[in-house]
PDB file of N, CA and C in Angstrom:
ATOM      1  N   MET A   1     134.081  92.385 101.857  1.00  0.00           N
ATOM      2  CA  MET A   1     133.333  93.545 101.417  1.00  0.00           C
ATOM      3  C   MET A   1     132.056  93.666 102.249  1.00  0.00           C
ATOM      4  N   GLN A   2     131.764  94.850 102.684  1.00  0.00           N
ATOM      5  CA  GLN A   2     130.595  95.131 103.524  1.00  0.00           C
ATOM      6  C   GLN A   2     129.321  95.092 102.675  1.00  0.00           C
ATOM      7  N   PRO A   3     128.275  94.396 103.139  1.00  0.00           N
ATOM      8  CA  PRO A   3     127.022  94.390 102.378  1.00  0.00           C
ATOM      9  C   PRO A   3     126.372  95.767 102.394  1.00  0.00           C
ATOM     10  N   LYS A   4     125.667  96.087 101.305  1.00  0.00           N
ATOM     11  CA  LYS A   4     124.989  97.376 101.257  1.00  0.00           C
ATOM     12  C   LYS A   4     123.485  97.181 101.395  1.00  0.00           C
ATOM     13  N   SER A   5     122.824  98.237 101.785  1.00  0.00           N
ATOM     14  CA  SER A   5     121.374  98.216 101.945  1.00  0.00           C
ATOM     15  C   SER A   5     120.712  98.033 100.590  1.00  0.00           C
ATOM     16  N   ILE A   6     119.599  97.342 100.587  1.00  0.00           N
ATOM     17  CA  ILE A   6     118.869  97.139  99.337  1.00  0.00           C
ATOM     18  C   ILE A   6     118.387  98.469  98.763  1.00  0.00           C
ATOM     19  N   PHE A   7     118.235  99.480  99.604  1.00  0.00           N
ATOM     20  CA  PHE A   7     117.777 100.785  99.147  1.00  0.00           C
ATOM     21  C   PHE A   7     118.857 101.536  98.368  1.00  0.00           C
ATOM     22  N   LYS A   8     120.091 101.035  98.376  1.00  0.00           N
ATOM     23  CA  LYS A   8     121.180 101.613  97.588  1.00  0.00           C
ATOM     24  C   LYS A   8     121.486 100.771  96.359  1.00  0.00           C
ATOM     25  N   SER A   9     120.706  99.739  96.117  1.00  0.00           N
ATOM     26  CA  SER A   9     120.919  98.816  95.006  1.00  0.00           C
ATOM     27  C   SER A   9     120.266  99.322  93.731  1.00  0.00           C
ATOM     28  N   LYS A  10     121.051  99.447  92.661  1.00  0.00           N
ATOM     29  CA  LYS A  10     120.512  99.868  91.374  1.00  0.00           C
ATOM     30  C   LYS A  10     119.590  98.801  90.795  1.00  0.00           C
ATOM     31  N   THR A  11     119.918  97.543  91.005  1.00  0.00           N
ATOM     32  CA  THR A  11     119.090  96.445  90.502  1.00  0.00           C
ATOM     33  C   THR A  11     117.729  96.452  91.195  1.00  0.00           C
ATOM     34  N   ALA A  12     117.709  96.668  92.490  1.00  0.00           N
ATOM     35  CA  ALA A  12     116.437  96.743  93.213  1.00  0.00           C
ATOM     36  C   ALA A  12     115.622  97.949  92.753  1.00  0.00           C
ATOM     37  N   PHE A  13     116.285  99.049  92.445  1.00  0.00           N
ATOM     38  CA  PHE A  13     115.598 100.242  91.955  1.00  0.00           C
ATOM     39  C   PHE A  13     114.954  99.971  90.601  1.00  0.00           C
ATOM     40  N   ALA A  14     115.680  99.296  89.708  1.00  0.00           N
ATOM     41  CA  ALA A  14     115.126  98.945  88.396  1.00  0.00           C
ATOM     42  C   ALA A  14     113.926  98.018  88.552  1.00  0.00           C
ATOM     43  N   SER A  15     113.992  97.098  89.479  1.00  0.00           N
ATOM     44  CA  SER A  15     112.865  96.201  89.734  1.00  0.00           C
ATOM     45  C   SER A  15     111.672  96.959  90.306  1.00  0.00           C
ATOM     46  N   ALA A  16     111.928  97.935  91.144  1.00  0.00           N
ATOM     47  CA  ALA A  16     110.845  98.746  91.708  1.00  0.00           C
ATOM     48  C   ALA A  16     110.123  99.526  90.612  1.00  0.00           C
ATOM     49  N   ILE A  17     110.865 100.035  89.647  1.00  0.00           N
ATOM     50  CA  ILE A  17     110.253 100.737  88.515  1.00  0.00           C
ATOM     51  C   ILE A  17     109.349  99.785  87.738  1.00  0.00           C
ATOM     52  N   THR A  18     109.781  98.545  87.572  1.00  0.00           N
ATOM     53  CA  THR A  18     108.974  97.544  86.886  1.00  0.00           C
ATOM     54  C   THR A  18     107.674  97.279  87.641  1.00  0.00           C
ATOM     55  N   ILE A  19     107.758  97.199  88.951  1.00  0.00           N
ATOM     56  CA  ILE A  19     106.564  96.973  89.778  1.00  0.00           C
ATOM     57  C   ILE A  19     105.598  98.145  89.641  1.00  0.00           C
ATOM     58  N   VAL A  20     106.113  99.360  89.675  1.00  0.00           N
ATOM     59  CA  VAL A  20     105.265 100.545  89.550  1.00  0.00           C
ATOM     60  C   VAL A  20     104.586 100.568  88.175  1.00  0.00           C
ATOM     61  N   ALA A  21     105.319 100.251  87.127  1.00  0.00           N
ATOM     62  CA  ALA A  21     104.731 100.223  85.784  1.00  0.00           C
ATOM     63  C   ALA A  21     103.618  99.184  85.696  1.00  0.00           C
ATOM     64  N   GLY A  22     103.840  98.020  86.287  1.00  0.00           N
ATOM     65  CA  GLY A  22     102.800  96.991  86.302  1.00  0.00           C
ATOM     66  C   GLY A  22     101.573  97.426  87.070  1.00  0.00           C
ATOM     67  N   ALA A  23     101.786  98.097  88.187  1.00  0.00           N
ATOM     68  CA  ALA A  23     100.658  98.590  88.985  1.00  0.00           C
ATOM     69  C   ALA A  23      99.883  99.660  88.231  1.00  0.00           C
ATOM     70  N   LEU A  24     100.594 100.565  87.570  1.00  0.00           N
ATOM     71  CA  LEU A  24      99.919 101.591  86.768  1.00  0.00           C
ATOM     72  C   LEU A  24      99.101 100.957  85.651  1.00  0.00           C
ATOM     73  N   GLY A  25      99.638  99.903  85.053  1.00  0.00           N
ATOM     74  CA  GLY A  25      98.914  99.201  84.000  1.00  0.00           C
ATOM     75  C   GLY A  25      97.645  98.554  84.503  1.00  0.00           C
ATOM     76  N   SER A  26      97.628  98.170  85.747  1.00  0.00           N
ATOM     77  CA  SER A  26      96.440  97.553  86.330  1.00  0.00           C
ATOM     78  C   SER A  26      95.318  98.565  86.556  1.00  0.00           C
ATOM     79  N   PHE A  27      95.675  99.816  86.795  1.00  0.00           N
ATOM     80  CA  PHE A  27      94.680 100.827  87.138  1.00  0.00           C
ATOM     81  C   PHE A  27      94.377 101.824  86.029  1.00  0.00           C
ATOM     82  N   ASN A  28      95.239 101.913  85.024  1.00  0.00           N
ATOM     83  CA  ASN A  28      95.072 102.898  83.963  1.00  0.00           C
ATOM     84  C   ASN A  28      94.979 102.184  82.614  1.00  0.00           C
ATOM     85  N   PRO A  29      93.848 102.251  81.947  1.00  0.00           N
ATOM     86  CA  PRO A  29      93.677 101.543  80.674  1.00  0.00           C
ATOM     87  C   PRO A  29      94.671 101.962  79.585  1.00  0.00           C
ATOM     88  N   GLN A  30      95.055 103.244  79.558  1.00  0.00           N
ATOM     89  CA  GLN A  30      96.009 103.694  78.538  1.00  0.00           C
ATOM     90  C   GLN A  30      97.392 103.077  78.763  1.00  0.00           C
ATOM     91  N   VAL A  31      97.825 103.033  80.018  1.00  0.00           N
ATOM     92  CA  VAL A  31      99.126 102.424  80.332  1.00  0.00           C
ATOM     93  C   VAL A  31      99.065 100.927  80.057  1.00  0.00           C
ATOM     94  N   ASN A  32      97.944 100.303  80.406  1.00  0.00           N
ATOM     95  CA  ASN A  32      97.775  98.874  80.168  1.00  0.00           C
ATOM     96  C   ASN A  32      97.883  98.566  78.683  1.00  0.00           C
ATOM     97  N   GLU A  33      97.253  99.386  77.850  1.00  0.00           N
ATOM     98  CA  GLU A  33      97.318  99.186  76.404  1.00  0.00           C
ATOM     99  C   GLU A  33      98.748  99.346  75.892  1.00  0.00           C
ATOM    100  N   PHE A  34      99.445 100.369  76.372  1.00  0.00           N
ATOM    101  CA  PHE A  34     100.838 100.584  75.959  1.00  0.00           C
ATOM    102  C   PHE A  34     101.715  99.399  76.355  1.00  0.00           C
ATOM    103  N   LEU A  35     101.567  98.940  77.608  1.00  0.00           N
ATOM    104  CA  LEU A  35     102.378  97.811  78.076  1.00  0.00           C
ATOM    105  C   LEU A  35     102.081  96.549  77.270  1.00  0.00           C
ATOM    106  N   ALA A  36     100.805  96.319  76.972  1.00  0.00           N
ATOM    107  CA  ALA A  36     100.426  95.129  76.210  1.00  0.00           C
ATOM    108  C   ALA A  36     100.949  95.198  74.779  1.00  0.00           C
ATOM    109  N   THR A  37     100.872  96.359  74.172  1.00  0.00           N
ATOM    110  CA  THR A  37     101.323  96.532  72.789  1.00  0.00           C
ATOM    111  C   THR A  37     102.837  96.392  72.664  1.00  0.00           C
ATOM    112  N   ASN A  38     103.572  96.842  73.672  1.00  0.00           N
ATOM    113  CA  ASN A  38     105.032  96.873  73.601  1.00  0.00           C
ATOM    114  C   ASN A  38     105.698  95.880  74.559  1.00  0.00           C
ATOM    115  N   ALA A  39     105.005  94.835  74.939  1.00  0.00           N
ATOM    116  CA  ALA A  39     105.509  93.895  75.948  1.00  0.00           C
ATOM    117  C   ALA A  39     106.859  93.293  75.562  1.00  0.00           C
ATOM    118  N   SER A  40     107.012  92.872  74.327  1.00  0.00           N
ATOM    119  CA  SER A  40     108.264  92.237  73.901  1.00  0.00           C
ATOM    120  C   SER A  40     109.449  93.197  74.033  1.00  0.00           C
ATOM    121  N   THR A  41     109.286  94.416  73.568  1.00  0.00           N
ATOM    122  CA  THR A  41     110.357  95.410  73.637  1.00  0.00           C
ATOM    123  C   THR A  41     110.685  95.762  75.085  1.00  0.00           C
ATOM    124  N   ILE A  42     109.648  95.919  75.895  1.00  0.00           N
ATOM    125  CA  ILE A  42     109.843  96.256  77.305  1.00  0.00           C
ATOM    126  C   ILE A  42     110.598  95.145  78.024  1.00  0.00           C
ATOM    127  N   LEU A  43     110.214  93.893  77.784  1.00  0.00           N
ATOM    128  CA  LEU A  43     110.899  92.768  78.428  1.00  0.00           C
ATOM    129  C   LEU A  43     112.351  92.655  77.993  1.00  0.00           C
ATOM    130  N   LEU A  44     112.623  92.866  76.707  1.00  0.00           N
ATOM    131  CA  LEU A  44     114.014  92.846  76.233  1.00  0.00           C
ATOM    132  C   LEU A  44     114.833  93.946  76.898  1.00  0.00           C
ATOM    133  N   ALA A  45     114.264  95.144  76.985  1.00  0.00           N
ATOM    134  CA  ALA A  45     114.987  96.264  77.602  1.00  0.00           C
ATOM    135  C   ALA A  45     115.230  96.009  79.085  1.00  0.00           C
ATOM    136  N   LEU A  46     114.216  95.523  79.800  1.00  0.00           N
ATOM    137  CA  LEU A  46     114.397  95.246  81.230  1.00  0.00           C
ATOM    138  C   LEU A  46     115.415  94.136  81.463  1.00  0.00           C
ATOM    139  N   GLY A  47     115.403  93.126  80.629  1.00  0.00           N
ATOM    140  CA  GLY A  47     116.392  92.056  80.744  1.00  0.00           C
ATOM    141  C   GLY A  47     117.803  92.577  80.534  1.00  0.00           C
ATOM    142  N   ALA A  48     117.973  93.433  79.533  1.00  0.00           N
ATOM    143  CA  ALA A  48     119.297  94.004  79.263  1.00  0.00           C
ATOM    144  C   ALA A  48     119.756  94.897  80.410  1.00  0.00           C
ATOM    145  N   VAL A  49     118.855  95.719  80.931  1.00  0.00           N
ATOM    146  CA  VAL A  49     119.193  96.607  82.058  1.00  0.00           C
ATOM    147  C   VAL A  49     119.610  95.779  83.270  1.00  0.00           C
ATOM    148  N   ASN A  50     118.835  94.763  83.596  1.00  0.00           N
ATOM    149  CA  ASN A  50     119.164  93.935  84.756  1.00  0.00           C
ATOM    150  C   ASN A  50     120.485  93.189  84.559  1.00  0.00           C
ATOM    151  N   MET A  51     120.766  92.736  83.342  1.00  0.00           N
ATOM    152  CA  MET A  51     122.024  92.034  83.072  1.00  0.00           C
ATOM    153  C   MET A  51     123.215  92.983  83.259  1.00  0.00           C
ATOM    154  N   VAL A  52     123.103  94.183  82.721  1.00  0.00           N
ATOM    155  CA  VAL A  52     124.185  95.163  82.856  1.00  0.00           C
ATOM    156  C   VAL A  52     124.380  95.549  84.323  1.00  0.00           C
ATOM    157  N   LEU A  53     123.268  95.784  85.023  1.00  0.00           N
ATOM    158  CA  LEU A  53     123.386  96.140  86.442  1.00  0.00           C
ATOM    159  C   LEU A  53     124.029  95.015  87.246  1.00  0.00           C
ATOM    160  N   ARG A  54     123.713  93.788  86.933  1.00  0.00           N
ATOM    161  CA  ARG A  54     124.309  92.655  87.649  1.00  0.00           C
ATOM    162  C   ARG A  54     125.812  92.577  87.362  1.00  0.00           C
ATOM    163  N   LEU A  55     126.211  92.886  86.140  1.00  0.00           N
ATOM    164  CA  LEU A  55     127.631  92.836  85.788  1.00  0.00           C
ATOM    165  C   LEU A  55     128.438  93.926  86.500  1.00  0.00           C
ATOM    166  N   VAL A  56     127.841  95.095  86.699  1.00  0.00           N
ATOM    167  CA  VAL A  56     128.584  96.188  87.335  1.00  0.00           C
ATOM    168  C   VAL A  56     128.419  96.198  88.850  1.00  0.00           C
ATOM    169  N   SER A  57     127.505  95.384  89.357  1.00  0.00           N
ATOM    170  CA  SER A  57     127.283  95.334  90.805  1.00  0.00           C
ATOM    171  C   SER A  57     128.287  94.408  91.467  1.00  0.00           C
ATOM    172  N   ARG A  58     128.655  94.760  92.672  1.00  0.00           N
ATOM    173  CA  ARG A  58     129.549  93.911  93.450  1.00  0.00           C
ATOM    174  C   ARG A  58     128.994  93.766  94.855  1.00  0.00           C
ATOM    175  N   GLY A  59     129.366  92.698  95.492  1.00  0.00           N
ATOM    176  CA  GLY A  59     128.965  92.504  96.875  1.00  0.00           C
ATOM    177  C   GLY A  59     127.539  92.040  97.023  1.00  0.00           C
ATOM    178  N   ARG A  60     127.164  91.795  98.249  1.00  0.00           N
ATOM    179  CA  ARG A  60     125.816  91.335  98.482  1.00  0.00           C
ATOM    180  C   ARG A  60     124.953  92.470  99.021  1.00  0.00           C
ATOM    181  N   VAL A  61     123.659  92.254  98.898  1.00  0.00           N
ATOM    182  CA  VAL A  61     122.688  93.250  99.311  1.00  0.00           C
ATOM    183  C   VAL A  61     121.877  92.657 100.460  1.00  0.00           C
ATOM    184  N   VAL A  62     121.604  93.476 101.466  1.00  0.00           N
ATOM    185  CA  VAL A  62     120.788  93.024 102.588  1.00  0.00           C
ATOM    186  C   VAL A  62     119.588  93.959 102.729  1.00  0.00           C
ATOM    187  N   LEU A  63     118.495  93.423 103.216  1.00  0.00           N
ATOM    188  CA  LEU A  63     117.286  94.220 103.389  1.00  0.00           C
ATOM    189  C   LEU A  63     117.453  95.225 104.518  1.00  0.00           C
ATOM    190  N   PHE A  64     118.023  94.782 105.616  1.00  0.00           N
ATOM    191  CA  PHE A  64     118.264  95.666 106.745  1.00  0.00           C
ATOM    192  C   PHE A  64     119.752  95.664 107.047  1.00  0.00           C
ATOM    193  N   ALA A  65     120.310  96.867 107.187  1.00  0.00           N
ATOM    194  CA  ALA A  65     121.748  96.965 107.494  1.00  0.00           C
ATOM    195  C   ALA A  65     122.047  96.320 108.843  1.00  0.00           C
ATOM    196  N   GLU A  66     123.205  95.730 108.911  1.00  0.00           N
ATOM    197  CA  GLU A  66     123.592  95.029 110.148  1.00  0.00           C
ATOM    198  C   GLU A  66     124.272  95.947 111.117  1.00  0.00           C
TER     199      GLU A  66
END
Protein backbone atom coordinates (compact mmCIF):
# COMPACT_ATOMS: atom_id res chain seq x y z
CA MET A 1 0.00 0.00 0.00
CA GLN A 2 1.31 3.44 -0.97
CA PRO A 3 1.92 5.83 1.95
CA LYS A 4 -0.20 8.96 2.00
CA SER A 5 0.77 12.51 2.83
CA ILE A 6 0.22 13.62 6.39
CA PHE A 7 -1.89 16.47 4.98
CA LYS A 8 -4.48 13.86 3.90
CA SER A 9 -4.56 12.19 7.32
CA LYS A 10 -7.76 12.56 9.34
CA THR A 11 -5.87 11.76 12.55
CA ALA A 12 -3.34 14.52 11.87
CA PHE A 13 -6.21 16.92 11.14
CA ALA A 14 -7.88 16.09 14.47
CA SER A 15 -4.57 16.68 16.23
CA ALA A 16 -4.15 20.02 14.46
CA ILE A 17 -7.56 21.11 15.75
CA THR A 18 -6.42 20.21 19.26
CA ILE A 19 -3.28 22.33 18.83
CA VAL A 20 -5.31 25.30 17.59
CA ALA A 21 -7.72 25.01 20.54
CA GLY A 22 -4.80 24.94 22.97
CA ALA A 23 -3.24 27.98 21.32
CA LEU A 24 -6.53 29.88 21.45
CA GLY A 25 -6.79 29.02 25.14
CA SER A 26 -3.37 30.52 25.73
CA PHE A 27 -4.34 33.87 24.19
CA ASN A 28 -8.06 34.19 24.94
CA PRO A 29 -9.24 34.13 28.57
CA GLN A 30 -12.78 33.05 27.64
CA VAL A 31 -11.54 30.04 25.65
CA ASN A 32 -9.07 29.22 28.43
CA GLU A 33 -11.90 29.21 30.98
CA PHE A 34 -14.07 26.98 28.77
CA LEU A 35 -11.21 24.52 28.18
CA ALA A 36 -10.37 24.42 31.89
CA THR A 37 -13.99 23.93 32.94
CA ASN A 38 -14.63 21.16 30.40
CA ALA A 39 -11.19 19.50 30.29
CA SER A 40 -12.42 16.02 31.25
CA THR A 41 -15.16 15.96 28.61
CA ILE A 42 -12.86 17.38 25.94
CA LEU A 43 -10.16 14.79 26.65
CA LEU A 44 -12.67 11.93 26.55
CA ALA A 45 -14.07 13.17 23.23
CA LEU A 46 -10.62 13.64 21.68
CA GLY A 47 -9.53 10.19 22.84
CA ALA A 48 -12.63 8.62 21.31
CA VAL A 49 -12.18 10.52 18.03
CA ASN A 50 -8.53 9.50 17.76
CA MET A 51 -9.37 5.86 18.56
CA VAL A 52 -12.07 5.72 15.88
CA LEU A 53 -9.84 7.44 13.33
CA ARG A 54 -7.04 4.97 14.06
CA LEU A 55 -9.43 2.04 13.57
CA VAL A 56 -10.65 3.29 10.18
CA SER A 57 -7.21 4.42 8.99
CA ARG A 58 -5.02 2.16 6.93
CA GLY A 59 -1.47 2.39 5.74
CA ARG A 60 1.30 4.61 6.86
CA VAL A 61 1.58 8.36 6.75
CA VAL A 62 4.64 10.29 5.62
CA LEU A 63 5.44 13.96 6.12
CA PHE A 64 6.73 14.42 2.59
CA ALA A 65 5.51 12.34 -0.34
CA GLU A 66 8.15 10.16 -1.91
